[in-house]
Amino acid sequence: MKSRIIVLSLISALSFGPPAAADIQAKSEIVPVRVGMYAPADGGCDAPAATLIFVEKNGLSANKTTGKVKNVSNRGTDYRLNVLWIEAGSSEADGEADTVNIAVKDDRSFNFSNGFTEKTLMKWCK
């Protein structure tokens, strides 16, 4: 499915405003990291191919795919989210279930992994 490719590569979240906009937003209610755009720690936020994920109040987004969070459990700073990935223009019935694991390092970085990716340290881009 196309959403697997999008999630796998966590392609640039171009449909969301500039990363600086995240600076004025509150912390996410899902995980204790700032709401905004993140990129792999080993890459730059300004790189042409920077891969980004957007952590929102009620879900996760990567490019034009939205992750609707069905439930969240946590142990310490580790979170497990049951997510339904829905491509833009698709209905929830076409969504693909997935489990996302987030191990929070601090309020600006975390390890993100799911059924389609390997664990990658993410950093906040502002």
PDB file of N, CA and C in Angstrom:
ATOM      1  N   MET A   1       0.829  -1.169   0.000  1.00  0.00           N
ATOM      2  CA  MET A   1       0.000   0.000   0.000  1.00  0.00           C
ATOM      3  C   MET A   1       0.880   1.241   0.000  1.00  0.00           C
ATOM      4  N   LYS A   2       0.425   2.264  -0.694  1.00  0.00           N
ATOM      5  CA  LYS A   2       1.193   3.493  -0.835  1.00  0.00           C
ATOM      6  C   LYS A   2       1.548   4.114   0.517  1.00  0.00           C
ATOM      7  N   SER A   3       0.626   4.006   1.489  1.00  0.00           N
ATOM      8  CA  SER A   3       0.905   4.617   2.797  1.00  0.00           C
ATOM      9  C   SER A   3       2.100   3.957   3.478  1.00  0.00           C
ATOM     10  N   ARG A   4       2.337   2.662   3.214  1.00  0.00           N
ATOM     11  CA  ARG A   4       3.505   1.995   3.794  1.00  0.00           C
ATOM     12  C   ARG A   4       4.784   2.658   3.306  1.00  0.00           C
ATOM     13  N   ILE A   5       4.831   2.984   2.036  1.00  0.00           N
ATOM     14  CA  ILE A   5       6.018   3.630   1.474  1.00  0.00           C
ATOM     15  C   ILE A   5       6.196   5.008   2.096  1.00  0.00           C
ATOM     16  N   ILE A   6       5.090   5.733   2.247  1.00  0.00           N
ATOM     17  CA  ILE A   6       5.172   7.070   2.831  1.00  0.00           C
ATOM     18  C   ILE A   6       5.640   6.974   4.281  1.00  0.00           C
ATOM     19  N   VAL A   7       5.059   6.041   5.027  1.00  0.00           N
ATOM     20  CA  VAL A   7       5.432   5.894   6.428  1.00  0.00           C
ATOM     21  C   VAL A   7       6.863   5.399   6.536  1.00  0.00           C
ATOM     22  N   LEU A   8       7.246   4.452   5.698  1.00  0.00           N
ATOM     23  CA  LEU A   8       8.590   3.895   5.728  1.00  0.00           C
ATOM     24  C   LEU A   8       9.632   4.979   5.551  1.00  0.00           C
ATOM     25  N   SER A   9       9.437   5.823   4.606  1.00  0.00           N
ATOM     26  CA  SER A   9      10.435   6.859   4.333  1.00  0.00           C
ATOM     27  C   SER A   9      10.208   8.134   5.131  1.00  0.00           C
ATOM     28  N   LEU A  10       9.044   8.266   5.766  1.00  0.00           N
ATOM     29  CA  LEU A  10       8.694   9.488   6.509  1.00  0.00           C
ATOM     30  C   LEU A  10       9.058  10.728   5.697  1.00  0.00           C
ATOM     31  N   ILE A  11       8.520  10.748   4.486  1.00  0.00           N
ATOM     32  CA  ILE A  11       8.833  11.814   3.540  1.00  0.00           C
ATOM     33  C   ILE A  11       8.435  13.175   4.088  1.00  0.00           C
ATOM     34  N   SER A  12       9.101  14.211   3.645  1.00  0.00           N
ATOM     35  CA  SER A  12       8.887  15.581   4.132  1.00  0.00           C
ATOM     36  C   SER A  12       7.413  15.915   4.308  1.00  0.00           C
ATOM     37  N   ALA A  13       7.082  16.463   5.448  1.00  0.00           N
ATOM     38  CA  ALA A  13       5.705  16.833   5.774  1.00  0.00           C
ATOM     39  C   ALA A  13       5.428  18.227   5.201  1.00  0.00           C
ATOM     40  N   LEU A  14       5.365  18.286   3.896  1.00  0.00           N
ATOM     41  CA  LEU A  14       5.244  19.567   3.214  1.00  0.00           C
ATOM     42  C   LEU A  14       3.904  20.247   3.426  1.00  0.00           C
ATOM     43  N   SER A  15       2.872  19.477   3.748  1.00  0.00           N
ATOM     44  CA  SER A  15       1.550  20.068   3.859  1.00  0.00           C
ATOM     45  C   SER A  15       1.332  20.786   5.178  1.00  0.00           C
ATOM     46  N   PHE A  16       2.319  20.768   6.067  1.00  0.00           N
ATOM     47  CA  PHE A  16       2.200  21.438   7.353  1.00  0.00           C
ATOM     48  C   PHE A  16       3.082  22.671   7.342  1.00  0.00           C
ATOM     49  N   GLY A  17       2.627  23.735   7.979  1.00  0.00           N
ATOM     50  CA  GLY A  17       3.324  25.015   7.983  1.00  0.00           C
ATOM     51  C   GLY A  17       4.800  24.905   8.298  1.00  0.00           C
ATOM     52  N   PRO A  18       5.484  26.012   8.327  1.00  0.00           N
ATOM     53  CA  PRO A  18       6.917  26.002   8.596  1.00  0.00           C
ATOM     54  C   PRO A  18       7.213  25.493  10.001  1.00  0.00           C
ATOM     55  N   PRO A  19       8.351  24.824  10.184  1.00  0.00           N
ATOM     56  CA  PRO A  19       8.690  24.289  11.496  1.00  0.00           C
ATOM     57  C   PRO A  19       8.700  25.336  12.599  1.00  0.00           C
ATOM     58  N   ALA A  20       8.995  26.573  12.283  1.00  0.00           N
ATOM     59  CA  ALA A  20       9.033  27.617  13.307  1.00  0.00           C
ATOM     60  C   ALA A  20       7.684  27.795  13.981  1.00  0.00           C
ATOM     61  N   ALA A  21       6.606  27.452  13.292  1.00  0.00           N
ATOM     62  CA  ALA A  21       5.268  27.586  13.866  1.00  0.00           C
ATOM     63  C   ALA A  21       5.102  26.695  15.088  1.00  0.00           C
ATOM     64  N   ALA A  22       5.852  25.622  15.166  1.00  0.00           N
ATOM     65  CA  ALA A  22       5.751  24.705  16.297  1.00  0.00           C
ATOM     66  C   ALA A  22       6.253  25.339  17.579  1.00  0.00           C
ATOM     67  N   ASP A  23       7.084  26.339  17.468  1.00  0.00           N
ATOM     68  CA  ASP A  23       7.672  26.978  18.635  1.00  0.00           C
ATOM     69  C   ASP A  23       6.624  27.603  19.547  1.00  0.00           C
ATOM     70  N   ILE A  24       5.491  28.023  18.981  1.00  0.00           N
ATOM     71  CA  ILE A  24       4.478  28.690  19.785  1.00  0.00           C
ATOM     72  C   ILE A  24       3.397  27.730  20.265  1.00  0.00           C
ATOM     73  N   GLN A  25       3.459  26.479  19.881  1.00  0.00           N
ATOM     74  CA  GLN A  25       2.440  25.521  20.268  1.00  0.00           C
ATOM     75  C   GLN A  25       2.775  24.846  21.588  1.00  0.00           C
ATOM     76  N   ALA A  26       1.746  24.336  22.223  1.00  0.00           N
ATOM     77  CA  ALA A  26       1.917  23.630  23.490  1.00  0.00           C
ATOM     78  C   ALA A  26       2.493  22.251  23.241  1.00  0.00           C
ATOM     79  N   LYS A  27       2.861  21.585  24.335  1.00  0.00           N
ATOM     80  CA  LYS A  27       3.353  20.221  24.208  1.00  0.00           C
ATOM     81  C   LYS A  27       2.220  19.296  23.790  1.00  0.00           C
ATOM     82  N   SER A  28       2.564  18.226  23.117  1.00  0.00           N
ATOM     83  CA  SER A  28       1.584  17.244  22.673  1.00  0.00           C
ATOM     84  C   SER A  28       0.940  16.564  23.864  1.00  0.00           C
ATOM     85  N   GLU A  29      -0.336  16.214  23.722  1.00  0.00           N
ATOM     86  CA  GLU A  29      -1.020  15.467  24.765  1.00  0.00           C
ATOM     87  C   GLU A  29      -0.816  13.970  24.582  1.00  0.00           C
ATOM     88  N   ILE A  30      -0.209  13.561  23.497  1.00  0.00           N
ATOM     89  CA  ILE A  30       0.049  12.143  23.273  1.00  0.00           C
ATOM     90  C   ILE A  30       1.364  11.754  23.923  1.00  0.00           C
ATOM     91  N   VAL A  31       2.410  12.463  23.597  1.00  0.00           N
ATOM     92  CA  VAL A  31       3.724  12.191  24.158  1.00  0.00           C
ATOM     93  C   VAL A  31       4.328  13.514  24.609  1.00  0.00           C
ATOM     94  N   PRO A  32       5.189  13.497  25.609  1.00  0.00           N
ATOM     95  CA  PRO A  32       5.746  14.749  26.103  1.00  0.00           C
ATOM     96  C   PRO A  32       6.876  15.294  25.234  1.00  0.00           C
ATOM     97  N   VAL A  33       6.569  15.551  23.994  1.00  0.00           N
ATOM     98  CA  VAL A  33       7.516  16.206  23.093  1.00  0.00           C
ATOM     99  C   VAL A  33       6.783  17.382  22.473  1.00  0.00           C
ATOM    100  N   ARG A  34       7.515  18.356  22.000  1.00  0.00           N
ATOM    101  CA  ARG A  34       6.878  19.525  21.408  1.00  0.00           C
ATOM    102  C   ARG A  34       6.123  19.146  20.144  1.00  0.00           C
ATOM    103  N   VAL A  35       4.961  19.778  19.983  1.00  0.00           N
ATOM    104  CA  VAL A  35       4.202  19.610  18.748  1.00  0.00           C
ATOM    105  C   VAL A  35       5.009  20.273  17.645  1.00  0.00           C
ATOM    106  N   GLY A  36       5.193  19.603  16.537  1.00  0.00           N
ATOM    107  CA  GLY A  36       5.924  20.220  15.445  1.00  0.00           C
ATOM    108  C   GLY A  36       6.544  19.214  14.512  1.00  0.00           C
ATOM    109  N   MET A  37       7.509  19.672  13.752  1.00  0.00           N
ATOM    110  CA  MET A  37       8.147  18.837  12.749  1.00  0.00           C
ATOM    111  C   MET A  37       9.463  18.311  13.281  1.00  0.00           C
ATOM    112  N   TYR A  38       9.712  17.049  13.000  1.00  0.00           N
ATOM    113  CA  TYR A  38      10.929  16.384  13.450  1.00  0.00           C
ATOM    114  C   TYR A  38      11.670  15.796  12.262  1.00  0.00           C
ATOM    115  N   ALA A  39      12.974  15.666  12.390  1.00  0.00           N
ATOM    116  CA  ALA A  39      13.802  15.068  11.351  1.00  0.00           C
ATOM    117  C   ALA A  39      14.778  14.103  12.008  1.00  0.00           C
ATOM    118  N   PRO A  40      15.280  13.114  11.257  1.00  0.00           N
ATOM    119  CA  PRO A  40      16.274  12.205  11.839  1.00  0.00           C
ATOM    120  C   PRO A  40      17.477  12.989  12.365  1.00  0.00           C
ATOM    121  N   ALA A  41      17.978  12.583  13.506  1.00  0.00           N
ATOM    122  CA  ALA A  41      19.071  13.306  14.155  1.00  0.00           C
ATOM    123  C   ALA A  41      20.328  13.367  13.303  1.00  0.00           C
ATOM    124  N   ASP A  42      20.535  12.364  12.438  1.00  0.00           N
ATOM    125  CA  ASP A  42      21.749  12.358  11.630  1.00  0.00           C
ATOM    126  C   ASP A  42      21.617  13.190  10.357  1.00  0.00           C
ATOM    127  N   GLY A  43      20.476  13.831  10.143  1.00  0.00           N
ATOM    128  CA  GLY A  43      20.270  14.682   8.976  1.00  0.00           C
ATOM    129  C   GLY A  43      19.974  16.094   9.417  1.00  0.00           C
ATOM    130  N   GLY A  44      19.978  17.018   8.483  1.00  0.00           N
ATOM    131  CA  GLY A  44      19.690  18.400   8.814  1.00  0.00           C
ATOM    132  C   GLY A  44      18.263  18.764   8.476  1.00  0.00           C
ATOM    133  N   CYS A  45      17.702  19.690   9.222  1.00  0.00           N
ATOM    134  CA  CYS A  45      16.331  20.135   8.970  1.00  0.00           C
ATOM    135  C   CYS A  45      16.221  20.895   7.647  1.00  0.00           C
ATOM    136  N   ASP A  46      17.327  21.483   7.220  1.00  0.00           N
ATOM    137  CA  ASP A  46      17.288  22.265   5.996  1.00  0.00           C
ATOM    138  C   ASP A  46      17.741  21.462   4.774  1.00  0.00           C
ATOM    139  N   ALA A  47      18.036  20.195   4.962  1.00  0.00           N
ATOM    140  CA  ALA A  47      18.460  19.356   3.830  1.00  0.00           C
ATOM    141  C   ALA A  47      17.304  19.182   2.854  1.00  0.00           C
ATOM    142  N   PRO A  48      17.588  19.182   1.550  1.00  0.00           N
ATOM    143  CA  PRO A  48      16.519  19.043   0.554  1.00  0.00           C
ATOM    144  C   PRO A  48      15.656  17.801   0.764  1.00  0.00           C
ATOM    145  N   ALA A  49      16.238  16.732   1.269  1.00  0.00           N
ATOM    146  CA  ALA A  49      15.483  15.496   1.441  1.00  0.00           C
ATOM    147  C   ALA A  49      15.236  15.195   2.914  1.00  0.00           C
ATOM    148  N   ALA A  50      15.166  16.230   3.753  1.00  0.00           N
ATOM    149  CA  ALA A  50      14.939  15.996   5.179  1.00  0.00           C
ATOM    150  C   ALA A  50      13.624  15.259   5.369  1.00  0.00           C
ATOM    151  N   THR A  51      13.652  14.169   6.098  1.00  0.00           N
ATOM    152  CA  THR A  51      12.437  13.420   6.354  1.00  0.00           C
ATOM    153  C   THR A  51      11.835  13.903   7.646  1.00  0.00           C
ATOM    154  N   LEU A  52      10.545  14.133   7.644  1.00  0.00           N
ATOM    155  CA  LEU A  52       9.893  14.741   8.779  1.00  0.00           C
ATOM    156  C   LEU A  52       8.671  13.954   9.217  1.00  0.00           C
ATOM    157  N   ILE A  53       8.371  14.041  10.482  1.00  0.00           N
ATOM    158  CA  ILE A  53       7.128  13.512  11.026  1.00  0.00           C
ATOM    159  C   ILE A  53       6.526  14.631  11.849  1.00  0.00           C
ATOM    160  N   PHE A  54       5.217  14.718  11.857  1.00  0.00           N
ATOM    161  CA  PHE A  54       4.526  15.788  12.555  1.00  0.00           C
ATOM    162  C   PHE A  54       3.752  15.171  13.707  1.00  0.00           C
ATOM    163  N   VAL A  55       4.048  15.568  14.923  1.00  0.00           N
ATOM    164  CA  VAL A  55       3.389  15.033  16.107  1.00  0.00           C
ATOM    165  C   VAL A  55       2.295  16.021  16.492  1.00  0.00           C
ATOM    166  N   GLU A  56       1.048  15.559  16.453  1.00  0.00           N
ATOM    167  CA  GLU A  56      -0.089  16.421  16.709  1.00  0.00           C
ATOM    168  C   GLU A  56      -0.766  16.083  18.028  1.00  0.00           C
ATOM    169  N   LYS A  57      -1.754  16.884  18.405  1.00  0.00           N
ATOM    170  CA  LYS A  57      -2.497  16.662  19.637  1.00  0.00           C
ATOM    171  C   LYS A  57      -3.192  15.302  19.641  1.00  0.00           C
ATOM    172  N   ASN A  58      -3.810  14.929  18.526  1.00  0.00           N
ATOM    173  CA  ASN A  58      -4.574  13.677  18.477  1.00  0.00           C
ATOM    174  C   ASN A  58      -4.055  12.667  17.473  1.00  0.00           C
ATOM    175  N   GLY A  59      -2.874  12.849  16.990  1.00  0.00           N
ATOM    176  CA  GLY A  59      -2.368  11.890  16.021  1.00  0.00           C
ATOM    177  C   GLY A  59      -0.978  12.217  15.527  1.00  0.00           C
ATOM    178  N   LEU A  60      -0.544  11.446  14.556  1.00  0.00           N
ATOM    179  CA  LEU A  60       0.760  11.605  13.932  1.00  0.00           C
ATOM    180  C   LEU A  60       0.534  11.798  12.450  1.00  0.00           C
ATOM    181  N   SER A  61       1.423  12.505  11.790  1.00  0.00           N
ATOM    182  CA  SER A  61       1.316  12.674  10.348  1.00  0.00           C
ATOM    183  C   SER A  61       2.679  12.550   9.710  1.00  0.00           C
ATOM    184  N   ALA A  62       2.694  12.012   8.520  1.00  0.00           N
ATOM    185  CA  ALA A  62       3.908  11.939   7.718  1.00  0.00           C
ATOM    186  C   ALA A  62       3.477  12.225   6.290  1.00  0.00           C
ATOM    187  N   ASN A  63       3.940  13.318   5.742  1.00  0.00           N
ATOM    188  CA  ASN A  63       3.563  13.751   4.410  1.00  0.00           C
ATOM    189  C   ASN A  63       2.050  13.889   4.342  1.00  0.00           C
ATOM    190  N   LYS A  64       1.379  13.172   3.455  1.00  0.00           N
ATOM    191  CA  LYS A  64      -0.075  13.296   3.325  1.00  0.00           C
ATOM    192  C   LYS A  64      -0.801  12.120   3.970  1.00  0.00           C
ATOM    193  N   THR A  65      -0.131  11.434   4.855  1.00  0.00           N
ATOM    194  CA  THR A  65      -0.738  10.310   5.562  1.00  0.00           C
ATOM    195  C   THR A  65      -0.937  10.711   7.016  1.00  0.00           C
ATOM    196  N   THR A  66      -2.124  10.483   7.530  1.00  0.00           N
ATOM    197  CA  THR A  66      -2.430  10.815   8.915  1.00  0.00           C
ATOM    198  C   THR A  66      -2.528   9.548   9.734  1.00  0.00           C
ATOM    199  N   GLY A  67      -1.973   9.569  10.909  1.00  0.00           N
ATOM    200  CA  GLY A  67      -2.098   8.450  11.827  1.00  0.00           C
ATOM    201  C   GLY A  67      -3.112   8.787  12.891  1.00  0.00           C
ATOM    202  N   LYS A  68      -4.295   8.183  12.822  1.00  0.00           N
ATOM    203  CA  LYS A  68      -5.327   8.420  13.830  1.00  0.00           C
ATOM    204  C   LYS A  68      -5.039   7.500  15.011  1.00  0.00           C
ATOM    205  N   VAL A  69      -4.785   8.096  16.158  1.00  0.00           N
ATOM    206  CA  VAL A  69      -4.420   7.321  17.336  1.00  0.00           C
ATOM    207  C   VAL A  69      -5.671   6.726  17.964  1.00  0.00           C
ATOM    208  N   LYS A  70      -5.699   5.397  18.043  1.00  0.00           N
ATOM    209  CA  LYS A  70      -6.837   4.682  18.622  1.00  0.00           C
ATOM    210  C   LYS A  70      -6.711   4.561  20.132  1.00  0.00           C
ATOM    211  N   ASN A  71      -5.515   4.280  20.631  1.00  0.00           N
ATOM    212  CA  ASN A  71      -5.267   4.281  22.071  1.00  0.00           C
ATOM    213  C   ASN A  71      -3.775   4.386  22.329  1.00  0.00           C
ATOM    214  N   VAL A  72      -3.469   4.798  23.557  1.00  0.00           N
ATOM    215  CA  VAL A  72      -2.083   5.034  23.965  1.00  0.00           C
ATOM    216  C   VAL A  72      -1.847   4.363  25.307  1.00  0.00           C
ATOM    217  N   SER A  73      -0.707   3.704  25.428  1.00  0.00           N
ATOM    218  CA  SER A  73      -0.293   3.189  26.733  1.00  0.00           C
ATOM    219  C   SER A  73       1.151   3.619  26.933  1.00  0.00           C
ATOM    220  N   ASN A  74       1.559   3.765  28.191  1.00  0.00           N
ATOM    221  CA  ASN A  74       2.945   4.155  28.414  1.00  0.00           C
ATOM    222  C   ASN A  74       3.498   3.520  29.676  1.00  0.00           C
ATOM    223  N   ARG A  75       4.813   3.385  29.655  1.00  0.00           N
ATOM    224  CA  ARG A  75       5.584   2.920  30.802  1.00  0.00           C
ATOM    225  C   ARG A  75       6.770   3.867  30.907  1.00  0.00           C
ATOM    226  N   GLY A  76       6.747   4.731  31.911  1.00  0.00           N
ATOM    227  CA  GLY A  76       7.805   5.724  32.034  1.00  0.00           C
ATOM    228  C   GLY A  76       7.768   6.683  30.863  1.00  0.00           C
ATOM    229  N   THR A  77       8.866   6.743  30.115  1.00  0.00           N
ATOM    230  CA  THR A  77       8.921   7.632  28.950  1.00  0.00           C
ATOM    231  C   THR A  77       8.731   6.878  27.636  1.00  0.00           C
ATOM    232  N   ASP A  78       8.341   5.610  27.709  1.00  0.00           N
ATOM    233  CA  ASP A  78       8.062   4.821  26.509  1.00  0.00           C
ATOM    234  C   ASP A  78       6.561   4.784  26.259  1.00  0.00           C
ATOM    235  N   TYR A  79       6.178   5.058  25.022  1.00  0.00           N
ATOM    236  CA  TYR A  79       4.767   5.092  24.643  1.00  0.00           C
ATOM    237  C   TYR A  79       4.514   4.095  23.521  1.00  0.00           C
ATOM    238  N   ARG A  80       3.337   3.463  23.577  1.00  0.00           N
ATOM    239  CA  ARG A  80       2.900   2.540  22.525  1.00  0.00           C
ATOM    240  C   ARG A  80       1.551   3.050  22.039  1.00  0.00           C
ATOM    241  N   LEU A  81       1.482   3.395  20.762  1.00  0.00           N
ATOM    242  CA  LEU A  81       0.266   3.941  20.177  1.00  0.00           C
ATOM    243  C   LEU A  81      -0.280   2.969  19.147  1.00  0.00           C
ATOM    244  N   ASN A  82      -1.553   2.648  19.234  1.00  0.00           N
ATOM    245  CA  ASN A  82      -2.217   1.896  18.178  1.00  0.00           C
ATOM    246  C   ASN A  82      -2.766   2.939  17.219  1.00  0.00           C
ATOM    247  N   VAL A  83      -2.275   2.895  15.994  1.00  0.00           N
ATOM    248  CA  VAL A  83      -2.547   3.942  15.016  1.00  0.00           C
ATOM    249  C   VAL A  83      -3.226   3.350  13.787  1.00  0.00           C
ATOM    250  N   LEU A  84      -4.139   4.131  13.210  1.00  0.00           N
ATOM    251  CA  LEU A  84      -4.734   3.777  11.931  1.00  0.00           C
ATOM    252  C   LEU A  84      -4.227   4.798  10.926  1.00  0.00           C
ATOM    253  N   TRP A  85      -3.328   4.367  10.003  1.00  0.00           N
ATOM    254  CA  TRP A  85      -2.767   5.278   8.999  1.00  0.00           C
ATOM    255  C   TRP A  85      -3.782   5.450   7.882  1.00  0.00           C
ATOM    256  N   ILE A  86      -4.103   6.702   7.553  1.00  0.00           N
ATOM    257  CA  ILE A  86      -5.099   7.005   6.525  1.00  0.00           C
ATOM    258  C   ILE A  86      -4.473   7.967   5.524  1.00  0.00           C
ATOM    259  N   GLU A  87      -4.430   7.547   4.263  1.00  0.00           N
ATOM    260  CA  GLU A  87      -3.887   8.410   3.216  1.00  0.00           C
ATOM    261  C   GLU A  87      -4.846   9.550   2.929  1.00  0.00           C
ATOM    262  N   ALA A  88      -4.304  10.689   2.510  1.00  0.00           N
ATOM    263  CA  ALA A  88      -5.135  11.833   2.140  1.00  0.00           C
ATOM    264  C   ALA A  88      -6.113  11.406   1.056  1.00  0.00           C
ATOM    265  N   GLY A  89      -7.363  11.771   1.207  1.00  0.00           N
ATOM    266  CA  GLY A  89      -8.388  11.436   0.225  1.00  0.00           C
ATOM    267  C   GLY A  89      -9.007  10.066   0.424  1.00  0.00           C
ATOM    268  N   SER A  90      -8.510   9.296   1.361  1.00  0.00           N
ATOM    269  CA  SER A  90      -9.052   7.968   1.628  1.00  0.00           C
ATOM    270  C   SER A  90      -9.967   8.022   2.843  1.00  0.00           C
ATOM    271  N   SER A  91     -10.800   7.005   2.958  1.00  0.00           N
ATOM    272  CA  SER A  91     -11.686   6.936   4.118  1.00  0.00           C
ATOM    273  C   SER A  91     -11.023   6.117   5.216  1.00  0.00           C
ATOM    274  N   GLU A  92     -11.571   6.210   6.406  1.00  0.00           N
ATOM    275  CA  GLU A  92     -11.028   5.457   7.531  1.00  0.00           C
ATOM    276  C   GLU A  92     -11.119   3.956   7.273  1.00  0.00           C
ATOM    277  N   ALA A  93     -12.118   3.547   6.504  1.00  0.00           N
ATOM    278  CA  ALA A  93     -12.280   2.126   6.183  1.00  0.00           C
ATOM    279  C   ALA A  93     -11.094   1.587   5.387  1.00  0.00           C
ATOM    280  N   ASP A  94     -10.398   2.469   4.665  1.00  0.00           N
ATOM    281  CA  ASP A  94      -9.227   2.068   3.878  1.00  0.00           C
ATOM    282  C   ASP A  94      -7.935   2.168   4.684  1.00  0.00           C
ATOM    283  N   GLY A  95      -8.031   2.567   5.953  1.00  0.00           N
ATOM    284  CA  GLY A  95      -6.846   2.755   6.785  1.00  0.00           C
ATOM    285  C   GLY A  95      -6.121   1.460   7.078  1.00  0.00           C
ATOM    286  N   GLU A  96      -4.887   1.618   7.504  1.00  0.00           N
ATOM    287  CA  GLU A  96      -4.034   0.466   7.804  1.00  0.00           C
ATOM    288  C   GLU A  96      -3.575   0.536   9.256  1.00  0.00           C
ATOM    289  N   ALA A  97      -3.920  -0.489  10.030  1.00  0.00           N
ATOM    290  CA  ALA A  97      -3.569  -0.524  11.450  1.00  0.00           C
ATOM    291  C   ALA A  97      -2.071  -0.728  11.626  1.00  0.00           C
ATOM    292  N   ASP A  98      -1.526  -0.103  12.662  1.00  0.00           N
ATOM    293  CA  ASP A  98      -0.100  -0.186  12.932  1.00  0.00           C
ATOM    294  C   ASP A  98       0.128   0.099  14.412  1.00  0.00           C
ATOM    295  N   THR A  99       1.254  -0.323  14.919  1.00  0.00           N
ATOM    296  CA  THR A  99       1.666   0.001  16.276  1.00  0.00           C
ATOM    297  C   THR A  99       2.901   0.868  16.192  1.00  0.00           C
ATOM    298  N   VAL A 100       2.858   2.014  16.845  1.00  0.00           N
ATOM    299  CA  VAL A 100       3.975   2.948  16.856  1.00  0.00           C
ATOM    300  C   VAL A 100       4.541   2.980  18.271  1.00  0.00           C
ATOM    301  N   ASN A 101       5.842   2.846  18.369  1.00  0.00           N
ATOM    302  CA  ASN A 101       6.527   2.921  19.659  1.00  0.00           C
ATOM    303  C   ASN A 101       7.380   4.178  19.685  1.00  0.00           C
ATOM    304  N   ILE A 102       7.270   4.933  20.778  1.00  0.00           N
ATOM    305  CA  ILE A 102       8.052   6.157  20.931  1.00  0.00           C
ATOM    306  C   ILE A 102       8.742   6.111  22.285  1.00  0.00           C
ATOM    307  N   ALA A 103      10.065   6.182  22.260  1.00  0.00           N
ATOM    308  CA  ALA A 103      10.864   6.241  23.483  1.00  0.00           C
ATOM    309  C   ALA A 103      11.396   7.668  23.583  1.00  0.00           C
ATOM    310  N   VAL A 104      10.880   8.431  24.518  1.00  0.00           N
ATOM    311  CA  VAL A 104      11.220   9.844  24.635  1.00  0.00           C
ATOM    312  C   VAL A 104      12.575  10.010  25.310  1.00  0.00           C
ATOM    313  N   LYS A 105      13.459  10.771  24.657  1.00  0.00           N
ATOM    314  CA  LYS A 105      14.783  11.066  25.212  1.00  0.00           C
ATOM    315  C   LYS A 105      14.743  12.345  26.039  1.00  0.00           C
ATOM    316  N   ASP A 106      14.123  13.387  25.500  1.00  0.00           N
ATOM    317  CA  ASP A 106      13.928  14.660  26.189  1.00  0.00           C
ATOM    318  C   ASP A 106      12.793  15.369  25.474  1.00  0.00           C
ATOM    319  N   ASP A 107      12.558  16.652  25.766  1.00  0.00           N
ATOM    320  CA  ASP A 107      11.407  17.316  25.156  1.00  0.00           C
ATOM    321  C   ASP A 107      11.627  17.713  23.696  1.00  0.00           C
ATOM    322  N   ARG A 108      12.762  17.341  23.127  1.00  0.00           N
ATOM    323  CA  ARG A 108      13.019  17.668  21.724  1.00  0.00           C
ATOM    324  C   ARG A 108      13.531  16.498  20.893  1.00  0.00           C
ATOM    325  N   SER A 109      13.644  15.337  21.473  1.00  0.00           N
ATOM    326  CA  SER A 109      14.090  14.187  20.674  1.00  0.00           C
ATOM    327  C   SER A 109      13.484  12.897  21.220  1.00  0.00           C
ATOM    328  N   PHE A 110      13.347  11.930  20.331  1.00  0.00           N
ATOM    329  CA  PHE A 110      12.760  10.653  20.708  1.00  0.00           C
ATOM    330  C   PHE A 110      13.124   9.594  19.680  1.00  0.00           C
ATOM    331  N   ASN A 111      13.016   8.348  20.078  1.00  0.00           N
ATOM    332  CA  ASN A 111      13.169   7.238  19.144  1.00  0.00           C
ATOM    333  C   ASN A 111      11.783   6.845  18.670  1.00  0.00           C
ATOM    334  N   PHE A 112      11.590   6.773  17.357  1.00  0.00           N
ATOM    335  CA  PHE A 112      10.303   6.447  16.755  1.00  0.00           C
ATOM    336  C   PHE A 112      10.463   5.143  15.990  1.00  0.00           C
ATOM    337  N   SER A 113       9.586   4.202  16.223  1.00  0.00           N
ATOM    338  CA  SER A 113       9.615   2.976  15.430  1.00  0.00           C
ATOM    339  C   SER A 113       8.190   2.481  15.246  1.00  0.00           C
ATOM    340  N   ASN A 114       7.955   1.800  14.146  1.00  0.00           N
ATOM    341  CA  ASN A 114       6.655   1.173  13.919  1.00  0.00           C
ATOM    342  C   ASN A 114       6.862  -0.059  13.058  1.00  0.00           C
ATOM    343  N   GLY A 115       5.770  -0.649  12.607  1.00  0.00           N
ATOM    344  CA  GLY A 115       5.848  -1.878  11.837  1.00  0.00           C
ATOM    345  C   GLY A 115       6.561  -1.738  10.508  1.00  0.00           C
ATOM    346  N   PHE A 116       6.750  -0.503  10.041  1.00  0.00           N
ATOM    347  CA  PHE A 116       7.334  -0.295   8.722  1.00  0.00           C
ATOM    348  C   PHE A 116       8.716   0.341   8.751  1.00  0.00           C
ATOM    349  N   THR A 117       9.192   0.728   9.932  1.00  0.00           N
ATOM    350  CA  THR A 117      10.486   1.409  10.003  1.00  0.00           C
ATOM    351  C   THR A 117      11.352   0.803  11.089  1.00  0.00           C
ATOM    352  N   GLU A 118      12.610   1.116  11.025  1.00  0.00           N
ATOM    353  CA  GLU A 118      13.515   0.756  12.106  1.00  0.00           C
ATOM    354  C   GLU A 118      13.584   1.955  13.041  1.00  0.00           C
ATOM    355  N   LYS A 119      14.047   1.725  14.240  1.00  0.00           N
ATOM    356  CA  LYS A 119      14.125   2.804  15.229  1.00  0.00           C
ATOM    357  C   LYS A 119      15.064   3.903  14.723  1.00  0.00           C
ATOM    358  N   THR A 120      14.587   5.133  14.768  1.00  0.00           N
ATOM    359  CA  THR A 120      15.357   6.279  14.294  1.00  0.00           C
ATOM    360  C   THR A 120      15.260   7.391  15.318  1.00  0.00           C
ATOM    361  N   LEU A 121      16.378   7.942  15.748  1.00  0.00           N
ATOM    362  CA  LEU A 121      16.338   9.077  16.657  1.00  0.00           C
ATOM    363  C   LEU A 121      15.855  10.278  15.893  1.00  0.00           C
ATOM    364  N   MET A 122      14.834  10.932  16.421  1.00  0.00           N
ATOM    365  CA  MET A 122      14.270  12.109  15.765  1.00  0.00           C
ATOM    366  C   MET A 122      14.595  13.339  16.595  1.00  0.00           C
ATOM    367  N   LYS A 123      14.771  14.479  15.941  1.00  0.00           N
ATOM    368  CA  LYS A 123      15.014  15.724  16.659  1.00  0.00           C
ATOM    369  C   LYS A 123      14.019  16.771  16.193  1.00  0.00           C
ATOM    370  N   TRP A 124      13.721  17.710  17.062  1.00  0.00           N
ATOM    371  CA  TRP A 124      12.781  18.771  16.750  1.00  0.00           C
ATOM    372  C   TRP A 124      13.427  19.787  15.842  1.00  0.00           C
ATOM    373  N   CYS A 125      12.754  20.188  14.773  1.00  0.00           N
ATOM    374  CA  CYS A 125      13.256  21.204  13.849  1.00  0.00           C
ATOM    375  C   CYS A 125      12.512  22.507  14.111  1.00  0.00           C
ATOM    376  N   LYS A 126      13.237  23.570  14.386  1.00  0.00           N
ATOM    377  CA  LYS A 126      12.545  24.841  14.597  1.00  0.00           C
ATOM    378  C   LYS A 126      13.045  25.886  13.645  1.00  0.00           C
TER     379      LYS A 126
END
